[in-house]
Protein backbone atom coordinates (compact mmCIF):
# COMPACT_ATOMS: atom_id res chain seq x y z
CA HIS A 1 0.14 0.07 0.02
CA GLN A 2 1.11 3.37 -0.95
CA VAL A 3 1.10 6.15 1.63
CA TYR A 4 0.84 9.78 0.62
CA VAL A 5 1.32 12.97 2.97
CA ILE A 6 0.61 16.49 2.54
CA LEU A 7 3.25 18.76 3.94
CA ASP A 8 1.68 21.70 5.88
CA ALA A 9 2.63 24.53 8.05
CA HIS A 10 0.81 25.07 11.32
CA HIS A 11 2.30 28.24 12.27
CA ASN A 12 1.15 31.07 14.63
CA SER A 13 -1.12 33.17 12.59
CA PHE A 14 1.36 36.01 12.59
CA ILE A 15 4.62 34.22 11.36
CA PRO A 16 4.32 34.85 7.43
CA LEU A 17 3.23 38.60 8.24
CA TYR A 18 6.29 39.15 10.76
CA TYR A 19 8.75 37.13 8.88
CA PRO A 20 7.47 36.76 5.29
CA ASP A 21 11.29 35.89 3.96
CA LEU A 22 11.72 33.27 6.33
CA PHE A 23 8.45 31.72 5.75
CA VAL A 24 9.09 31.66 1.95
CA GLU A 25 12.65 30.40 2.50
CA GLN A 26 11.46 27.48 4.72
CA TRP A 27 8.96 26.43 2.09
CA VAL A 28 11.67 26.56 -0.67
CA GLU A 29 14.05 24.30 1.49
CA ILE A 30 11.24 21.85 2.02
CA ALA A 31 10.60 21.81 -1.46
CA LYS A 32 14.01 21.39 -2.61
CA TYR A 33 14.29 18.21 -0.22
CA TYR A 34 11.12 16.66 -1.28
CA LYS A 35 10.88 17.66 -4.94
CA ASP A 36 11.43 13.99 -6.15
CA SER A 37 9.73 12.35 -3.44
CA THR A 38 6.99 9.78 -4.70
CA VAL A 39 5.01 10.22 -1.41
CA VAL A 40 4.52 13.87 -1.15
CA LEU A 41 1.04 14.67 -2.53
CA ALA A 42 1.11 18.36 -1.87
CA TYR A 43 2.42 21.28 -0.12
CA GLU A 44 -0.41 23.17 2.08
CA LEU A 45 1.19 26.59 2.78
CA TRP A 46 -0.82 27.34 5.73
CA ASN A 47 -3.00 24.93 7.80
CA GLU A 48 -5.59 26.68 10.07
CA PRO A 49 -4.70 30.37 9.14
CA GLY A 50 -7.78 32.26 10.39
CA LEU A 51 -7.17 34.45 7.36
CA THR A 52 -10.27 36.43 7.23
CA TRP A 53 -9.09 39.44 8.86
CA PHE A 54 -5.94 40.10 7.24
CA ALA A 55 -6.36 38.17 3.92
CA GLN A 56 -5.08 41.30 1.86
CA GLU A 57 -1.69 41.35 3.84
CA THR A 58 -1.24 37.54 3.44
CA VAL A 59 -2.05 37.05 -0.14
CA PRO A 60 0.91 38.49 -1.59
CA ILE A 61 3.18 36.48 0.60
CA LEU A 62 1.52 33.15 -0.02
CA ARG A 63 1.76 33.87 -3.91
CA ARG A 64 5.39 34.52 -3.76
CA CYS A 65 5.73 31.33 -1.60
CA HIS A 66 3.70 29.34 -4.13
CA ASP A 67 5.96 30.75 -6.93
CA ALA A 68 9.11 30.02 -5.02
CA ILE A 69 8.10 26.35 -4.60
CA ARG A 70 7.09 25.88 -8.29
CA GLN A 71 10.39 27.27 -9.28
CA VAL A 72 12.20 24.27 -7.37
CA ALA A 73 9.33 21.84 -7.71
CA PRO A 74 7.55 22.60 -10.73
CA THR A 75 5.45 19.38 -10.67
CA SER A 76 4.22 19.93 -7.32
CA THR A 77 0.78 20.82 -6.06
CA VAL A 78 0.69 23.82 -3.72
CA ARG A 79 -2.36 24.30 -1.91
CA PRO A 80 -3.01 28.03 -0.58
CA PRO A 81 -5.07 28.21 2.69
CA ASP A 82 -8.67 28.09 2.71
CA PRO A 83 -10.14 30.92 4.65
CA ARG A 84 -13.74 28.95 4.72
CA ARG A 85 -11.99 26.40 6.72
CA GLN A 86 -11.44 27.84 10.18
CA TYR A 87 -11.94 27.12 13.76
CA ARG A 88 -14.55 29.12 15.35
CA PRO A 89 -15.89 29.06 18.65
CA ARG A 90 -18.92 26.97 19.21
CA PRO A 91 -22.24 29.09 19.37
CA PRO A 92 -23.69 28.97 23.21
């Protein structure tokens, strides 16, 4: 049986904003390492982002990250965060 993985980032919501270059560099290094792997299904840039309140600020960073990964691993699937998929408090 073949097992596939999605590599994702479980970051504090502010890391891409405060350290965008580091965020991109980390993903590029990961993509370089795994670019020829047959088990990596996708790179998910930012899991559980809570994006709705600062999407404008993060979109350029995530696009830059996506493009940088595709430069080193052109056939890779890169998933941007989905702002609809968030953890919200349960209603009372």
